[in-house]
Amino acid sequence: MSTALSLTEAVEGVTRLGGLAIPAHVDRKAFGLIANLGFVPTDVMIEALEISRHLQPQEATSRFPQLVGFPLIQSGDAHRLEEILSVNVFRLATLTIAELKLALQGQMNRSLVIQN
């Protein structure tokens, strides 16, 4: 759904509410961040980026160098079980936003692995 908010306003709103700002399917031609802006802004507090199921994590940064330095998760807009191609596996101490942030950054024995 479209919005009148700028990316900065949206990210700041999510952060203010205690959430994680993770732009979705940044690699997609339709509605993807890179296709719409041509880059990933570095002046906005984006916690991670989500790549679509059509891009393997290992090829993401070679195809889109602007993804370097951002934690990546992968989802796929799956509508049926057989369409799920990967799973984000988080190692957390508890299920909290703070723990997710640690996992995205690979800190304090927290981690994220994308399994295909």
PDB file of N, CA and C in Angstrom:
ATOM      1  N   MET A   1       0.849  -1.158   0.000  1.00  0.00           N
ATOM      2  CA  MET A   1       0.000   0.000   0.000  1.00  0.00           C
ATOM      3  C   MET A   1       0.903   1.231   0.000  1.00  0.00           C
ATOM      4  N   SER A   2       0.582   2.196  -0.790  1.00  0.00           N
ATOM      5  CA  SER A   2       1.404   3.399  -0.863  1.00  0.00           C
ATOM      6  C   SER A   2       1.142   4.309   0.333  1.00  0.00           C
ATOM      7  N   THR A   3       2.055   5.246   0.508  1.00  0.00           N
ATOM      8  CA  THR A   3       1.956   6.182   1.627  1.00  0.00           C
ATOM      9  C   THR A   3       2.495   7.539   1.208  1.00  0.00           C
ATOM     10  N   ALA A   4       2.117   8.548   1.919  1.00  0.00           N
ATOM     11  CA  ALA A   4       2.651   9.884   1.679  1.00  0.00           C
ATOM     12  C   ALA A   4       3.920  10.121   2.504  1.00  0.00           C
ATOM     13  N   LEU A   5       4.294   9.155   3.351  1.00  0.00           N
ATOM     14  CA  LEU A   5       5.495   9.282   4.170  1.00  0.00           C
ATOM     15  C   LEU A   5       6.747   9.113   3.321  1.00  0.00           C
ATOM     16  N   SER A   6       7.776   9.854   3.660  1.00  0.00           N
ATOM     17  CA  SER A   6       9.080   9.617   3.037  1.00  0.00           C
ATOM     18  C   SER A   6       9.683   8.379   3.679  1.00  0.00           C
ATOM     19  N   LEU A   7      10.728   7.854   3.087  1.00  0.00           N
ATOM     20  CA  LEU A   7      11.406   6.699   3.679  1.00  0.00           C
ATOM     21  C   LEU A   7      11.916   7.056   5.072  1.00  0.00           C
ATOM     22  N   THR A   8      12.491   8.226   5.214  1.00  0.00           N
ATOM     23  CA  THR A   8      12.999   8.656   6.519  1.00  0.00           C
ATOM     24  C   THR A   8      11.879   8.715   7.550  1.00  0.00           C
ATOM     25  N   GLU A   9      10.754   9.289   7.186  1.00  0.00           N
ATOM     26  CA  GLU A   9       9.617   9.379   8.111  1.00  0.00           C
ATOM     27  C   GLU A   9       9.103   7.999   8.502  1.00  0.00           C
ATOM     28  N   ALA A  10       9.031   7.098   7.538  1.00  0.00           N
ATOM     29  CA  ALA A  10       8.554   5.739   7.822  1.00  0.00           C
ATOM     30  C   ALA A  10       9.505   5.019   8.767  1.00  0.00           C
ATOM     31  N   VAL A  11      10.799   5.098   8.492  1.00  0.00           N
ATOM     32  CA  VAL A  11      11.798   4.426   9.339  1.00  0.00           C
ATOM     33  C   VAL A  11      11.786   5.026  10.742  1.00  0.00           C
ATOM     34  N   GLU A  12      11.732   6.341  10.839  1.00  0.00           N
ATOM     35  CA  GLU A  12      11.687   6.986  12.151  1.00  0.00           C
ATOM     36  C   GLU A  12      10.427   6.588  12.926  1.00  0.00           C
ATOM     37  N   GLY A  13       9.292   6.462  12.232  1.00  0.00           N
ATOM     38  CA  GLY A  13       8.056   6.039  12.889  1.00  0.00           C
ATOM     39  C   GLY A  13       8.146   4.622  13.415  1.00  0.00           C
ATOM     40  N   VAL A  14       8.694   3.721  12.618  1.00  0.00           N
ATOM     41  CA  VAL A  14       8.867   2.329  13.043  1.00  0.00           C
ATOM     42  C   VAL A  14       9.793   2.267  14.261  1.00  0.00           C
ATOM     43  N   THR A  15      10.892   2.989  14.195  1.00  0.00           N
ATOM     44  CA  THR A  15      11.859   3.001  15.294  1.00  0.00           C
ATOM     45  C   THR A  15      11.237   3.583  16.571  1.00  0.00           C
ATOM     46  N   ARG A  16      10.495   4.658  16.422  1.00  0.00           N
ATOM     47  CA  ARG A  16       9.831   5.285  17.568  1.00  0.00           C
ATOM     48  C   ARG A  16       8.861   4.329  18.251  1.00  0.00           C
ATOM     49  N   LEU A  17       8.240   3.459  17.476  1.00  0.00           N
ATOM     50  CA  LEU A  17       7.300   2.471  18.018  1.00  0.00           C
ATOM     51  C   LEU A  17       8.002   1.226  18.556  1.00  0.00           C
ATOM     52  N   GLY A  18       9.333   1.187  18.461  1.00  0.00           N
ATOM     53  CA  GLY A  18      10.093   0.056  18.995  1.00  0.00           C
ATOM     54  C   GLY A  18      10.303  -1.073  18.011  1.00  0.00           C
ATOM     55  N   GLY A  19      10.034  -0.829  16.743  1.00  0.00           N
ATOM     56  CA  GLY A  19      10.176  -1.876  15.727  1.00  0.00           C
ATOM     57  C   GLY A  19      11.501  -1.815  14.990  1.00  0.00           C
ATOM     58  N   LEU A  20      11.661  -2.727  14.051  1.00  0.00           N
ATOM     59  CA  LEU A  20      12.832  -2.789  13.184  1.00  0.00           C
ATOM     60  C   LEU A  20      12.418  -2.366  11.780  1.00  0.00           C
ATOM     61  N   ALA A  21      13.117  -1.429  11.219  1.00  0.00           N
ATOM     62  CA  ALA A  21      12.832  -0.991   9.855  1.00  0.00           C
ATOM     63  C   ALA A  21      13.623  -1.849   8.881  1.00  0.00           C
ATOM     64  N   ILE A  22      12.916  -2.716   8.163  1.00  0.00           N
ATOM     65  CA  ILE A  22      13.562  -3.613   7.204  1.00  0.00           C
ATOM     66  C   ILE A  22      12.815  -3.493   5.873  1.00  0.00           C
ATOM     67  N   PRO A  23      13.327  -2.687   4.938  1.00  0.00           N
ATOM     68  CA  PRO A  23      12.668  -2.574   3.636  1.00  0.00           C
ATOM     69  C   PRO A  23      12.566  -3.947   2.958  1.00  0.00           C
ATOM     70  N   ALA A  24      11.416  -4.201   2.371  1.00  0.00           N
ATOM     71  CA  ALA A  24      11.125  -5.504   1.766  1.00  0.00           C
ATOM     72  C   ALA A  24      11.592  -5.585   0.319  1.00  0.00           C
ATOM     73  N   HIS A  25      11.914  -6.808  -0.079  1.00  0.00           N
ATOM     74  CA  HIS A  25      12.319  -7.184  -1.450  1.00  0.00           C
ATOM     75  C   HIS A  25      13.003  -6.035  -2.194  1.00  0.00           C
ATOM     76  N   VAL A  26      14.124  -5.588  -1.629  1.00  0.00           N
ATOM     77  CA  VAL A  26      14.836  -4.438  -2.189  1.00  0.00           C
ATOM     78  C   VAL A  26      15.357  -4.690  -3.602  1.00  0.00           C
ATOM     79  N   ASP A  27      15.483  -5.942  -3.998  1.00  0.00           N
ATOM     80  CA  ASP A  27      16.022  -6.295  -5.307  1.00  0.00           C
ATOM     81  C   ASP A  27      14.972  -6.406  -6.400  1.00  0.00           C
ATOM     82  N   ARG A  28      13.707  -6.356  -6.054  1.00  0.00           N
ATOM     83  CA  ARG A  28      12.651  -6.531  -7.071  1.00  0.00           C
ATOM     84  C   ARG A  28      12.482  -5.291  -7.925  1.00  0.00           C
ATOM     85  N   LYS A  29      12.169  -5.511  -9.193  1.00  0.00           N
ATOM     86  CA  LYS A  29      11.968  -4.398 -10.124  1.00  0.00           C
ATOM     87  C   LYS A  29      10.700  -3.619  -9.795  1.00  0.00           C
ATOM     88  N   ALA A  30       9.679  -4.307  -9.344  1.00  0.00           N
ATOM     89  CA  ALA A  30       8.428  -3.640  -8.978  1.00  0.00           C
ATOM     90  C   ALA A  30       8.441  -3.357  -7.481  1.00  0.00           C
ATOM     91  N   PHE A  31       8.401  -2.117  -7.118  1.00  0.00           N
ATOM     92  CA  PHE A  31       8.293  -1.663  -5.729  1.00  0.00           C
ATOM     93  C   PHE A  31       9.543  -1.886  -4.888  1.00  0.00           C
ATOM     94  N   GLY A  32      10.630  -2.328  -5.473  1.00  0.00           N
ATOM     95  CA  GLY A  32      11.858  -2.529  -4.710  1.00  0.00           C
ATOM     96  C   GLY A  32      12.565  -1.210  -4.454  1.00  0.00           C
ATOM     97  N   LEU A  33      13.255  -1.115  -3.350  1.00  0.00           N
ATOM     98  CA  LEU A  33      13.953   0.106  -2.952  1.00  0.00           C
ATOM     99  C   LEU A  33      14.986   0.519  -4.001  1.00  0.00           C
ATOM    100  N   ILE A  34      15.774  -0.424  -4.481  1.00  0.00           N
ATOM    101  CA  ILE A  34      16.819  -0.102  -5.448  1.00  0.00           C
ATOM    102  C   ILE A  34      16.210   0.349  -6.775  1.00  0.00           C
ATOM    103  N   ALA A  35      15.156  -0.310  -7.228  1.00  0.00           N
ATOM    104  CA  ALA A  35      14.510   0.075  -8.488  1.00  0.00           C
ATOM    105  C   ALA A  35      13.870   1.457  -8.383  1.00  0.00           C
ATOM    106  N   ASN A  36      13.330   1.770  -7.215  1.00  0.00           N
ATOM    107  CA  ASN A  36      12.657   3.055  -7.054  1.00  0.00           C
ATOM    108  C   ASN A  36      13.606   4.216  -6.783  1.00  0.00           C
ATOM    109  N   LEU A  37      14.620   3.986  -5.950  1.00  0.00           N
ATOM    110  CA  LEU A  37      15.551   5.062  -5.614  1.00  0.00           C
ATOM    111  C   LEU A  37      16.858   4.980  -6.399  1.00  0.00           C
ATOM    112  N   GLY A  38      17.219   3.780  -6.816  1.00  0.00           N
ATOM    113  CA  GLY A  38      18.482   3.581  -7.500  1.00  0.00           C
ATOM    114  C   GLY A  38      19.638   3.290  -6.559  1.00  0.00           C
ATOM    115  N   PHE A  39      19.364   3.299  -5.251  1.00  0.00           N
ATOM    116  CA  PHE A  39      20.405   3.074  -4.248  1.00  0.00           C
ATOM    117  C   PHE A  39      19.735   2.766  -2.916  1.00  0.00           C
ATOM    118  N   VAL A  40      20.560   2.370  -1.954  1.00  0.00           N
ATOM    119  CA  VAL A  40      20.086   2.184  -0.580  1.00  0.00           C
ATOM    120  C   VAL A  40      20.611   3.370   0.216  1.00  0.00           C
ATOM    121  N   PRO A  41      19.718   4.205   0.751  1.00  0.00           N
ATOM    122  CA  PRO A  41      20.184   5.379   1.495  1.00  0.00           C
ATOM    123  C   PRO A  41      20.996   4.981   2.726  1.00  0.00           C
ATOM    124  N   THR A  42      22.093   5.666   2.935  1.00  0.00           N
ATOM    125  CA  THR A  42      22.928   5.392   4.098  1.00  0.00           C
ATOM    126  C   THR A  42      22.684   6.383   5.233  1.00  0.00           C
ATOM    127  N   ASP A  43      21.848   7.382   4.978  1.00  0.00           N
ATOM    128  CA  ASP A  43      21.549   8.378   6.009  1.00  0.00           C
ATOM    129  C   ASP A  43      20.240   8.088   6.736  1.00  0.00           C
ATOM    130  N   VAL A  44      19.693   6.895   6.519  1.00  0.00           N
ATOM    131  CA  VAL A  44      18.454   6.461   7.167  1.00  0.00           C
ATOM    132  C   VAL A  44      18.798   5.241   8.015  1.00  0.00           C
ATOM    133  N   MET A  45      18.246   5.147   9.227  1.00  0.00           N
ATOM    134  CA  MET A  45      18.587   4.078  10.173  1.00  0.00           C
ATOM    135  C   MET A  45      17.880   2.765   9.814  1.00  0.00           C
ATOM    136  N   ILE A  46      18.305   2.137   8.728  1.00  0.00           N
ATOM    137  CA  ILE A  46      17.749   0.858   8.288  1.00  0.00           C
ATOM    138  C   ILE A  46      18.505  -0.253   9.009  1.00  0.00           C
ATOM    139  N   GLU A  47      17.762  -1.130   9.707  1.00  0.00           N
ATOM    140  CA  GLU A  47      18.376  -2.198  10.509  1.00  0.00           C
ATOM    141  C   GLU A  47      18.877  -3.366   9.659  1.00  0.00           C
ATOM    142  N   ALA A  48      18.168  -3.655   8.564  1.00  0.00           N
ATOM    143  CA  ALA A  48      18.503  -4.778   7.688  1.00  0.00           C
ATOM    144  C   ALA A  48      17.749  -4.576   6.384  1.00  0.00           C
ATOM    145  N   LEU A  49      18.044  -5.418   5.414  1.00  0.00           N
ATOM    146  CA  LEU A  49      17.338  -5.392   4.135  1.00  0.00           C
ATOM    147  C   LEU A  49      16.820  -6.787   3.835  1.00  0.00           C
ATOM    148  N   GLU A  50      15.655  -6.851   3.232  1.00  0.00           N
ATOM    149  CA  GLU A  50      15.079  -8.136   2.851  1.00  0.00           C
ATOM    150  C   GLU A  50      15.236  -8.319   1.348  1.00  0.00           C
ATOM    151  N   ILE A  51      15.800  -9.455   0.960  1.00  0.00           N
ATOM    152  CA  ILE A  51      15.903  -9.788  -0.461  1.00  0.00           C
ATOM    153  C   ILE A  51      14.816 -10.794  -0.798  1.00  0.00           C
ATOM    154  N   SER A  52      14.410 -10.792  -2.049  1.00  0.00           N
ATOM    155  CA  SER A  52      13.334 -11.674  -2.480  1.00  0.00           C
ATOM    156  C   SER A  52      13.833 -13.106  -2.656  1.00  0.00           C
ATOM    157  N   ARG A  53      12.908 -14.010  -2.830  1.00  0.00           N
ATOM    158  CA  ARG A  53      13.265 -15.418  -3.015  1.00  0.00           C
ATOM    159  C   ARG A  53      13.934 -15.672  -4.363  1.00  0.00           C
ATOM    160  N   HIS A  54      13.931 -14.677  -5.235  1.00  0.00           N
ATOM    161  CA  HIS A  54      14.509 -14.826  -6.572  1.00  0.00           C
ATOM    162  C   HIS A  54      16.004 -14.519  -6.605  1.00  0.00           C
ATOM    163  N   LEU A  55      16.557 -14.119  -5.456  1.00  0.00           N
ATOM    164  CA  LEU A  55      17.969 -13.772  -5.375  1.00  0.00           C
ATOM    165  C   LEU A  55      18.611 -14.585  -4.259  1.00  0.00           C
ATOM    166  N   GLN A  56      19.622 -15.343  -4.590  1.00  0.00           N
ATOM    167  CA  GLN A  56      20.328 -16.121  -3.576  1.00  0.00           C
ATOM    168  C   GLN A  56      21.181 -15.172  -2.733  1.00  0.00           C
ATOM    169  N   PRO A  57      21.220 -15.385  -1.423  1.00  0.00           N
ATOM    170  CA  PRO A  57      21.988 -14.485  -0.553  1.00  0.00           C
ATOM    171  C   PRO A  57      23.441 -14.312  -0.982  1.00  0.00           C
ATOM    172  N   GLN A  58      24.075 -15.384  -1.439  1.00  0.00           N
ATOM    173  CA  GLN A  58      25.488 -15.301  -1.817  1.00  0.00           C
ATOM    174  C   GLN A  58      25.720 -14.459  -3.069  1.00  0.00           C
ATOM    175  N   GLU A  59      24.690 -14.260  -3.890  1.00  0.00           N
ATOM    176  CA  GLU A  59      24.851 -13.432  -5.083  1.00  0.00           C
ATOM    177  C   GLU A  59      24.313 -12.012  -4.893  1.00  0.00           C
ATOM    178  N   ALA A  60      23.686 -11.747  -3.768  1.00  0.00           N
ATOM    179  CA  ALA A  60      23.033 -10.457  -3.538  1.00  0.00           C
ATOM    180  C   ALA A  60      24.000  -9.286  -3.645  1.00  0.00           C
ATOM    181  N   THR A  61      25.122  -9.360  -2.928  1.00  0.00           N
ATOM    182  CA  THR A  61      26.043  -8.231  -2.924  1.00  0.00           C
ATOM    183  C   THR A  61      26.845  -8.102  -4.216  1.00  0.00           C
ATOM    184  N   SER A  62      26.994  -9.183  -4.951  1.00  0.00           N
ATOM    185  CA  SER A  62      27.692  -9.052  -6.234  1.00  0.00           C
ATOM    186  C   SER A  62      26.777  -8.407  -7.282  1.00  0.00           C
ATOM    187  N   ARG A  63      25.499  -8.718  -7.246  1.00  0.00           N
ATOM    188  CA  ARG A  63      24.543  -8.087  -8.173  1.00  0.00           C
ATOM    189  C   ARG A  63      24.172  -6.678  -7.756  1.00  0.00           C
ATOM    190  N   PHE A  64      24.138  -6.457  -6.439  1.00  0.00           N
ATOM    191  CA  PHE A  64      23.746  -5.162  -5.899  1.00  0.00           C
ATOM    192  C   PHE A  64      24.780  -4.724  -4.862  1.00  0.00           C
ATOM    193  N   PRO A  65      25.883  -4.118  -5.296  1.00  0.00           N
ATOM    194  CA  PRO A  65      26.953  -3.730  -4.372  1.00  0.00           C
ATOM    195  C   PRO A  65      26.477  -2.814  -3.240  1.00  0.00           C
ATOM    196  N   GLN A  66      25.395  -2.095  -3.444  1.00  0.00           N
ATOM    197  CA  GLN A  66      24.887  -1.206  -2.398  1.00  0.00           C
ATOM    198  C   GLN A  66      24.331  -1.964  -1.193  1.00  0.00           C
ATOM    199  N   LEU A  67      24.204  -3.291  -1.278  1.00  0.00           N
ATOM    200  CA  LEU A  67      23.753  -4.098  -0.150  1.00  0.00           C
ATOM    201  C   LEU A  67      24.877  -4.441   0.824  1.00  0.00           C
ATOM    202  N   VAL A  68      26.124  -4.220   0.390  1.00  0.00           N
ATOM    203  CA  VAL A  68      27.281  -4.526   1.242  1.00  0.00           C
ATOM    204  C   VAL A  68      27.183  -3.729   2.543  1.00  0.00           C
ATOM    205  N   GLY A  69      27.391  -4.435   3.647  1.00  0.00           N
ATOM    206  CA  GLY A  69      27.376  -3.791   4.950  1.00  0.00           C
ATOM    207  C   GLY A  69      26.030  -3.857   5.660  1.00  0.00           C
ATOM    208  N   PHE A  70      24.981  -4.237   4.947  1.00  0.00           N
ATOM    209  CA  PHE A  70      23.662  -4.378   5.566  1.00  0.00           C
ATOM    210  C   PHE A  70      23.395  -5.848   5.892  1.00  0.00           C
ATOM    211  N   PRO A  71      22.855  -6.136   7.064  1.00  0.00           N
ATOM    212  CA  PRO A  71      22.385  -7.502   7.315  1.00  0.00           C
ATOM    213  C   PRO A  71      21.245  -7.813   6.341  1.00  0.00           C
ATOM    214  N   LEU A  72      21.217  -9.036   5.828  1.00  0.00           N
ATOM    215  CA  LEU A  72      20.175  -9.442   4.889  1.00  0.00           C
ATOM    216  C   LEU A  72      19.313 -10.547   5.484  1.00  0.00           C
ATOM    217  N   ILE A  73      18.014 -10.444   5.258  1.00  0.00           N
ATOM    218  CA  ILE A  73      17.094 -11.536   5.515  1.00  0.00           C
ATOM    219  C   ILE A  73      16.473 -11.880   4.178  1.00  0.00           C
ATOM    220  N   GLN A  74      15.819 -13.028   4.074  1.00  0.00           N
ATOM    221  CA  GLN A  74      15.200 -13.417   2.810  1.00  0.00           C
ATOM    222  C   GLN A  74      13.783 -13.896   3.066  1.00  0.00           C
ATOM    223  N   SER A  75      12.883 -13.372   2.275  1.00  0.00           N
ATOM    224  CA  SER A  75      11.486 -13.804   2.308  1.00  0.00           C
ATOM    225  C   SER A  75      11.023 -13.933   0.877  1.00  0.00           C
ATOM    226  N   GLY A  76       9.792 -14.342   0.696  1.00  0.00           N
ATOM    227  CA  GLY A  76       9.409 -14.580  -0.676  1.00  0.00           C
ATOM    228  C   GLY A  76       7.967 -14.341  -1.054  1.00  0.00           C
ATOM    229  N   ASP A  77       7.184 -13.689  -0.234  1.00  0.00           N
ATOM    230  CA  ASP A  77       5.777 -13.479  -0.564  1.00  0.00           C
ATOM    231  C   ASP A  77       5.107 -14.792  -0.936  1.00  0.00           C
ATOM    232  N   ALA A  78       5.462 -15.870  -0.239  1.00  0.00           N
ATOM    233  CA  ALA A  78       4.911 -17.198  -0.542  1.00  0.00           C
ATOM    234  C   ALA A  78       3.432 -17.263  -0.159  1.00  0.00           C
ATOM    235  N   HIS A  79       2.660 -17.859  -1.029  1.00  0.00           N
ATOM    236  CA  HIS A  79       1.236 -18.045  -0.777  1.00  0.00           C
ATOM    237  C   HIS A  79       0.894 -19.512  -0.517  1.00  0.00           C
ATOM    238  N   ARG A  80       1.859 -20.412  -0.803  1.00  0.00           N
ATOM    239  CA  ARG A  80       1.679 -21.831  -0.551  1.00  0.00           C
ATOM    240  C   ARG A  80       2.976 -22.382   0.046  1.00  0.00           C
ATOM    241  N   LEU A  81       2.870 -23.452   0.834  1.00  0.00           N
ATOM    242  CA  LEU A  81       4.051 -24.022   1.486  1.00  0.00           C
ATOM    243  C   LEU A  81       5.160 -24.357   0.501  1.00  0.00           C
ATOM    244  N   GLU A  82       4.801 -24.892  -0.656  1.00  0.00           N
ATOM    245  CA  GLU A  82       5.826 -25.304  -1.624  1.00  0.00           C
ATOM    246  C   GLU A  82       6.546 -24.106  -2.251  1.00  0.00           C
ATOM    247  N   GLU A  83       6.039 -22.908  -2.048  1.00  0.00           N
ATOM    248  CA  GLU A  83       6.697 -21.710  -2.568  1.00  0.00           C
ATOM    249  C   GLU A  83       7.762 -21.166  -1.617  1.00  0.00           C
ATOM    250  N   ILE A  84       7.825 -21.684  -0.401  1.00  0.00           N
ATOM    251  CA  ILE A  84       8.834 -21.233   0.553  1.00  0.00           C
ATOM    252  C   ILE A  84      10.173 -21.847   0.163  1.00  0.00           C
ATOM    253  N   LEU A  85      11.112 -20.990  -0.185  1.00  0.00           N
ATOM    254  CA  LEU A  85      12.404 -21.463  -0.675  1.00  0.00           C
ATOM    255  C   LEU A  85      13.524 -21.328   0.343  1.00  0.00           C
ATOM    256  N   SER A  86      13.328 -20.510   1.351  1.00  0.00           N
ATOM    257  CA  SER A  86      14.376 -20.327   2.341  1.00  0.00           C
ATOM    258  C   SER A  86      13.753 -20.014   3.695  1.00  0.00           C
ATOM    259  N   VAL A  87      14.591 -20.137   4.729  1.00  0.00           N
ATOM    260  CA  VAL A  87      14.152 -19.890   6.099  1.00  0.00           C
ATOM    261  C   VAL A  87      15.215 -19.030   6.778  1.00  0.00           C
ATOM    262  N   ASN A  88      14.788 -17.997   7.490  1.00  0.00           N
ATOM    263  CA  ASN A  88      15.689 -17.180   8.305  1.00  0.00           C
ATOM    264  C   ASN A  88      15.756 -17.818   9.684  1.00  0.00           C
ATOM    265  N   VAL A  89      16.935 -18.277  10.066  1.00  0.00           N
ATOM    266  CA  VAL A  89      17.108 -18.922  11.361  1.00  0.00           C
ATOM    267  C   VAL A  89      17.877 -17.962  12.265  1.00  0.00           C
ATOM    268  N   PHE A  90      17.210 -17.503  13.316  1.00  0.00           N
ATOM    269  CA  PHE A  90      17.809 -16.575  14.269  1.00  0.00           C
ATOM    270  C   PHE A  90      18.234 -17.336  15.515  1.00  0.00           C
ATOM    271  N   ARG A  91      19.426 -17.036  16.008  1.00  0.00           N
ATOM    272  CA  ARG A  91      19.879 -17.561  17.299  1.00  0.00           C
ATOM    273  C   ARG A  91      19.725 -16.413  18.296  1.00  0.00           C
ATOM    274  N   LEU A  92      18.794 -16.586  19.250  1.00  0.00           N
ATOM    275  CA  LEU A  92      18.438 -15.538  20.204  1.00  0.00           C
ATOM    276  C   LEU A  92      18.410 -16.105  21.612  1.00  0.00           C
ATOM    277  N   ALA A  93      18.585 -15.239  22.595  1.00  0.00           N
ATOM    278  CA  ALA A  93      18.420 -15.656  23.991  1.00  0.00           C
ATOM    279  C   ALA A  93      16.946 -15.595  24.375  1.00  0.00           C
ATOM    280  N   THR A  94      16.259 -14.589  23.897  1.00  0.00           N
ATOM    281  CA  THR A  94      14.823 -14.428  24.120  1.00  0.00           C
ATOM    282  C   THR A  94      14.213 -13.821  22.861  1.00  0.00           C
ATOM    283  N   LEU A  95      12.929 -13.873  22.764  1.00  0.00           N
ATOM    284  CA  LEU A  95      12.252 -13.345  21.580  1.00  0.00           C
ATOM    285  C   LEU A  95      11.870 -11.881  21.819  1.00  0.00           C
ATOM    286  N   THR A  96      12.828 -11.004  21.518  1.00  0.00           N
ATOM    287  CA  THR A  96      12.607  -9.570  21.664  1.00  0.00           C
ATOM    288  C   THR A  96      13.215  -8.836  20.468  1.00  0.00           C
ATOM    289  N   ILE A  97      12.791  -7.606  20.277  1.00  0.00           N
ATOM    290  CA  ILE A  97      13.359  -6.772  19.215  1.00  0.00           C
ATOM    291  C   ILE A  97      14.847  -6.539  19.481  1.00  0.00           C
ATOM    292  N   ALA A  98      15.215  -6.317  20.738  1.00  0.00           N
ATOM    293  CA  ALA A  98      16.626  -6.102  21.076  1.00  0.00           C
ATOM    294  C   ALA A  98      17.476  -7.314  20.675  1.00  0.00           C
ATOM    295  N   GLU A  99      16.955  -8.512  20.910  1.00  0.00           N
ATOM    296  CA  GLU A  99      17.678  -9.729  20.529  1.00  0.00           C
ATOM    297  C   GLU A  99      17.777  -9.859  19.006  1.00  0.00           C
ATOM    298  N   LEU A 100      16.717  -9.507  18.301  1.00  0.00           N
ATOM    299  CA  LEU A 100      16.763  -9.539  16.836  1.00  0.00           C
ATOM    300  C   LEU A 100      17.830  -8.581  16.311  1.00  0.00           C
ATOM    301  N   LYS A 101      17.919  -7.400  16.908  1.00  0.00           N
ATOM    302  CA  LYS A 101      18.959  -6.446  16.503  1.00  0.00           C
ATOM    303  C   LYS A 101      20.351  -7.039  16.711  1.00  0.00           C
ATOM    304  N   LEU A 102      20.562  -7.680  17.863  1.00  0.00           N
ATOM    305  CA  LEU A 102      21.853  -8.321  18.120  1.00  0.00           C
ATOM    306  C   LEU A 102      22.151  -9.404  17.086  1.00  0.00           C
ATOM    307  N   ALA A 103      21.155 -10.209  16.751  1.00  0.00           N
ATOM    308  CA  ALA A 103      21.340 -11.278  15.759  1.00  0.00           C
ATOM    309  C   ALA A 103      21.666 -10.700  14.386  1.00  0.00           C
ATOM    310  N   LEU A 104      20.976  -9.646  13.995  1.00  0.00           N
ATOM    311  CA  LEU A 104      21.240  -9.022  12.699  1.00  0.00           C
ATOM    312  C   LEU A 104      22.666  -8.484  12.622  1.00  0.00           C
ATOM    313  N   GLN A 105      23.190  -8.038  13.746  1.00  0.00           N
ATOM    314  CA  GLN A 105      24.548  -7.515  13.785  1.00  0.00           C
ATOM    315  C   GLN A 105      25.585  -8.589  14.112  1.00  0.00           C
ATOM    316  N   GLY A 106      25.121  -9.813  14.448  1.00  0.00           N
ATOM    317  CA  GLY A 106      26.040 -10.898  14.796  1.00  0.00           C
ATOM    318  C   GLY A 106      26.789 -10.635  16.081  1.00  0.00           C
ATOM    319  N   GLN A 107      26.119 -10.040  17.051  1.00  0.00           N
ATOM    320  CA  GLN A 107      26.768  -9.675  18.315  1.00  0.00           C
ATOM    321  C   GLN A 107      26.327 -10.583  19.455  1.00  0.00           C
ATOM    322  N   MET A 108      27.208 -10.716  20.451  1.00  0.00           N
ATOM    323  CA  MET A 108      26.924 -11.431  21.697  1.00  0.00           C
ATOM    324  C   MET A 108      26.358 -12.846  21.478  1.00  0.00           C
ATOM    325  N   ASN A 109      26.984 -13.592  20.585  1.00  0.00           N
ATOM    326  CA  ASN A 109      26.582 -14.966  20.249  1.00  0.00           C
ATOM    327  C   ASN A 109      25.189 -15.065  19.644  1.00  0.00           C
ATOM    328  N   ARG A 110      24.641 -13.972  19.155  1.00  0.00           N
ATOM    329  CA  ARG A 110      23.365 -14.011  18.434  1.00  0.00           C
ATOM    330  C   ARG A 110      23.719 -14.059  16.955  1.00  0.00           C
ATOM    331  N   SER A 111      22.844 -14.668  16.164  1.00  0.00           N
ATOM    332  CA  SER A 111      23.175 -14.789  14.737  1.00  0.00           C
ATOM    333  C   SER A 111      21.918 -14.974  13.896  1.00  0.00           C
ATOM    334  N   LEU A 112      22.133 -14.812  12.615  1.00  0.00           N
ATOM    335  CA  LEU A 112      21.116 -15.058  11.599  1.00  0.00           C
ATOM    336  C   LEU A 112      21.757 -15.859  10.483  1.00  0.00           C
ATOM    337  N   VAL A 113      21.112 -16.927  10.083  1.00  0.00           N
ATOM    338  CA  VAL A 113      21.554 -17.732   8.947  1.00  0.00           C
ATOM    339  C   VAL A 113      20.360 -17.931   8.032  1.00  0.00           C
ATOM    340  N   ILE A 114      20.562 -17.706   6.735  1.00  0.00           N
ATOM    341  CA  ILE A 114      19.513 -17.975   5.757  1.00  0.00           C
ATOM    342  C   ILE A 114      19.757 -19.375   5.224  1.00  0.00           C
ATOM    343  N   GLN A 115      18.793 -20.272   5.437  1.00  0.00           N
ATOM    344  CA  GLN A 115      18.916 -21.638   4.951  1.00  0.00           C
ATOM    345  C   GLN A 115      18.053 -21.814   3.720  1.00  0.00           C
ATOM    346  N   ASN A 116      18.675 -22.285   2.646  1.00  0.00           N
ATOM    347  CA  ASN A 116      17.946 -22.543   1.386  1.00  0.00           C
ATOM    348  C   ASN A 116      17.678 -24.020   1.245  1.00  0.00           C
TER     349      ASN A 116
END
